[in-house]
Amino acid sequence: MFGPTQRLNLTKIVSTHASILLSLNSSFVQFGFTLGALLGGVAIEYFSIHSIMYLDVISTLIAFRIYLYSLKK
């Protein structure tokens, strides 16, 4: 998993405020888990179980676009 490596890189970026940065990182990771479970539950409730695959493709494409946008900066 990427967790230990990500935490190490974050502490190298801002070593003076590492505890705050690691706390924020952990909060956003937990938020991502929650959002994924919410979207999966809504997809199953209102659509079929197969709709999760389409939701996965759409969210992956959105994440890839965000990644490409962040490279331009």
C-alpha atoms as a PDB file:
ATOM      1  CA  MET A   1       0.000   0.000   0.000  1.00  0.00           C
ATOM      2  CA  PHE A   2       1.119   3.563  -0.614  1.00  0.00           C
ATOM      3  CA  GLY A   3       0.534   4.796   2.958  1.00  0.00           C
ATOM      4  CA  PRO A   4       4.028   4.626   4.501  1.00  0.00           C
ATOM      5  CA  THR A   5       5.729   6.020   1.406  1.00  0.00           C
ATOM      6  CA  GLN A   6       3.218   8.827   1.120  1.00  0.00           C
ATOM      7  CA  ARG A   7       3.641   9.747   4.780  1.00  0.00           C
ATOM      8  CA  LEU A   8       7.423   9.792   4.401  1.00  0.00           C
ATOM      9  CA  ASN A   9       7.224  12.055   1.356  1.00  0.00           C
ATOM     10  CA  LEU A  10       4.776  14.395   3.094  1.00  0.00           C
ATOM     11  CA  THR A  11       7.044  14.754   6.115  1.00  0.00           C
ATOM     12  CA  LYS A  12       9.975  15.580   3.818  1.00  0.00           C
ATOM     13  CA  ILE A  13       7.960  18.310   2.066  1.00  0.00           C
ATOM     14  CA  VAL A  14       6.934  20.186   5.209  1.00  0.00           C
ATOM     15  CA  SER A  15       8.954  18.912   8.137  1.00  0.00           C
ATOM     16  CA  THR A  16       8.003  21.771  10.450  1.00  0.00           C
ATOM     17  CA  HIS A  17       4.268  21.015  10.319  1.00  0.00           C
ATOM     18  CA  ALA A  18       4.451  17.276   9.658  1.00  0.00           C
ATOM     19  CA  SER A  19       1.905  16.273  12.309  1.00  0.00           C
ATOM     20  CA  ILE A  20      -0.742  18.623  10.904  1.00  0.00           C
ATOM     21  CA  LEU A  21      -0.060  17.520   7.354  1.00  0.00           C
ATOM     22  CA  LEU A  22      -0.233  13.825   8.263  1.00  0.00           C
ATOM     23  CA  SER A  23      -3.481  14.394  10.143  1.00  0.00           C
ATOM     24  CA  LEU A  24      -5.036  16.152   7.151  1.00  0.00           C
ATOM     25  CA  ASN A  25      -3.820  13.413   4.848  1.00  0.00           C
ATOM     26  CA  SER A  26      -5.384  10.737   7.040  1.00  0.00           C
ATOM     27  CA  SER A  27      -8.653  12.667   7.188  1.00  0.00           C
ATOM     28  CA  PHE A  28      -8.862  12.960   3.412  1.00  0.00           C
ATOM     29  CA  VAL A  29      -8.067   9.260   2.940  1.00  0.00           C
ATOM     30  CA  GLN A  30     -10.905   8.376   5.335  1.00  0.00           C
ATOM     31  CA  PHE A  31     -13.183  10.811   3.501  1.00  0.00           C
ATOM     32  CA  GLY A  32     -12.326   9.034   0.240  1.00  0.00           C
ATOM     33  CA  PHE A  33     -13.278   5.670   1.742  1.00  0.00           C
ATOM     34  CA  THR A  34     -16.568   7.134   2.955  1.00  0.00           C
ATOM     35  CA  LEU A  35     -17.366   8.747  -0.370  1.00  0.00           C
ATOM     36  CA  GLY A  36     -16.606   5.511  -2.222  1.00  0.00           C
ATOM     37  CA  ALA A  37     -18.899   3.506   0.043  1.00  0.00           C
ATOM     38  CA  LEU A  38     -21.635   6.117  -0.317  1.00  0.00           C
ATOM     39  CA  LEU A  39     -21.455   6.172  -4.105  1.00  0.00           C
ATOM     40  CA  GLY A  40     -21.353   2.379  -4.271  1.00  0.00           C
ATOM     41  CA  GLY A  41     -24.371   2.089  -1.992  1.00  0.00           C
ATOM     42  CA  VAL A  42     -26.354   4.618  -4.010  1.00  0.00           C
ATOM     43  CA  ALA A  43     -25.415   2.871  -7.253  1.00  0.00           C
ATOM     44  CA  ILE A  44     -26.605  -0.492  -5.943  1.00  0.00           C
ATOM     45  CA  GLU A  45     -29.770   0.953  -4.411  1.00  0.00           C
ATOM     46  CA  TYR A  46     -30.999   2.841  -7.463  1.00  0.00           C
ATOM     47  CA  PHE A  47     -29.355   0.904 -10.280  1.00  0.00           C
ATOM     48  CA  SER A  48     -28.069  -2.625 -10.752  1.00  0.00           C
ATOM     49  CA  ILE A  49     -24.941  -4.138  -9.242  1.00  0.00           C
ATOM     50  CA  HIS A  50     -23.299  -3.812 -12.649  1.00  0.00           C
ATOM     51  CA  SER A  51     -23.544  -0.025 -12.459  1.00  0.00           C
ATOM     52  CA  ILE A  52     -20.614  -0.040 -10.032  1.00  0.00           C
ATOM     53  CA  MET A  53     -18.346  -0.884 -12.955  1.00  0.00           C
ATOM     54  CA  TYR A  54     -19.502   2.205 -14.859  1.00  0.00           C
ATOM     55  CA  LEU A  55     -19.161   4.358 -11.752  1.00  0.00           C
ATOM     56  CA  ASP A  56     -15.620   3.037 -11.337  1.00  0.00           C
ATOM     57  CA  VAL A  57     -14.705   3.916 -14.925  1.00  0.00           C
ATOM     58  CA  ILE A  58     -16.150   7.416 -14.594  1.00  0.00           C
ATOM     59  CA  SER A  59     -14.398   8.101 -11.280  1.00  0.00           C
ATOM     60  CA  THR A  60     -11.100   6.787 -12.659  1.00  0.00           C
ATOM     61  CA  LEU A  61     -11.364   9.083 -15.675  1.00  0.00           C
ATOM     62  CA  ILE A  62     -12.128  12.053 -13.414  1.00  0.00           C
ATOM     63  CA  ALA A  63      -9.118  11.226 -11.220  1.00  0.00           C
ATOM     64  CA  PHE A  64      -6.911  10.905 -14.301  1.00  0.00           C
ATOM     65  CA  ARG A  65      -8.046  14.308 -15.570  1.00  0.00           C
ATOM     66  CA  ILE A  66      -7.270  15.866 -12.191  1.00  0.00           C
ATOM     67  CA  TYR A  67      -3.853  14.222 -12.282  1.00  0.00           C
ATOM     68  CA  LEU A  68      -3.113  15.566 -15.761  1.00  0.00           C
ATOM     69  CA  TYR A  69      -4.274  19.037 -14.704  1.00  0.00           C
ATOM     70  CA  SER A  70      -1.968  18.949 -11.683  1.00  0.00           C
ATOM     71  CA  LEU A  71       1.017  18.126 -13.907  1.00  0.00           C
ATOM     72  CA  LYS A  72       0.485  21.308 -15.912  1.00  0.00           C
ATOM     73  CA  LYS A  73       0.980  23.526 -12.863  1.00  0.00           C
END
